[in-house]
Protein backbone atom coordinates (compact mmCIF):
# COMPACT_ATOMS: atom_id res chain seq x y z
CA MET A 1 70.34 -22.88 -94.54
CA ILE A 2 67.25 -23.60 -96.62
CA ASP A 3 66.00 -20.76 -98.80
CA ALA A 4 62.22 -20.96 -99.09
CA ARG A 5 61.62 -17.24 -99.55
CA ASP A 6 59.17 -17.99 -102.36
CA THR A 7 57.00 -19.90 -99.86
CA ALA A 8 54.51 -18.64 -97.27
CA LEU A 9 54.12 -20.51 -93.97
CA ILE A 10 50.84 -20.29 -92.05
CA PHE A 11 50.39 -21.74 -88.55
CA GLU A 12 46.90 -22.81 -87.55
CA GLY A 13 45.27 -21.82 -84.28
CA GLY A 14 44.49 -24.02 -81.30
CA GLY A 15 46.56 -24.29 -78.15
CA THR A 16 46.61 -28.08 -78.07
CA ARG A 17 47.56 -28.39 -81.74
CA ASN A 18 50.27 -25.80 -81.33
CA SER A 19 51.83 -27.73 -78.46
CA TYR A 20 52.65 -30.34 -81.12
CA THR A 21 53.79 -27.69 -83.60
CA ALA A 22 56.35 -26.13 -81.22
CA PRO A 23 59.09 -28.72 -81.93
CA VAL A 24 58.65 -28.08 -85.66
CA VAL A 25 59.26 -24.37 -85.09
CA GLU A 26 62.38 -25.17 -83.06
CA LYS A 27 63.67 -27.39 -85.89
CA LEU A 28 62.95 -24.74 -88.54
CA ILE A 29 64.92 -22.20 -86.50
CA ALA A 30 67.80 -24.64 -85.91
CA GLU A 31 68.00 -25.49 -89.62
CA GLU A 32 67.84 -21.76 -90.52
CA VAL A 33 64.91 -22.13 -92.90
CA GLN A 34 63.97 -18.77 -94.43
CA PHE A 35 60.34 -18.18 -95.53
CA GLY A 36 59.10 -15.25 -97.56
CA TRP A 37 56.08 -14.71 -95.34
CA VAL A 38 55.06 -16.21 -91.98
CA GLY A 39 51.68 -15.78 -90.33
CA GLY A 40 49.34 -17.47 -87.92
CA ILE A 41 45.92 -17.43 -86.35
CA SER A 42 45.38 -17.35 -82.57
CA ALA A 43 48.01 -19.56 -80.90
CA GLY A 44 49.69 -20.00 -84.28
CA SER A 45 50.54 -16.30 -84.32
CA VAL A 46 52.89 -16.93 -81.39
CA HIS A 47 54.74 -19.57 -83.44
CA ALA A 48 54.89 -17.16 -86.38
CA LEU A 49 56.41 -14.51 -84.12
CA ASN A 50 58.91 -17.01 -82.69
CA LEU A 51 59.98 -18.09 -86.16
CA ALA A 52 60.22 -14.54 -87.51
CA SER A 53 62.29 -13.40 -84.53
CA ARG A 54 64.36 -16.63 -84.42
CA ASP A 55 63.47 -17.03 -80.74
CA THR A 56 62.66 -20.55 -79.54
């Protein structure tokens, strides 16, 4: 587990860009990285929700 609760993570929008970001989200969930705040814009909000709920 990686404790990064003093760090905010923001995912950018854009469906095509987020198709490349999806494996990063999966890896963050697998490695149990904990962020203090997670947010996103447009398609990035889906990744933020996935990470916050630990659902790949």
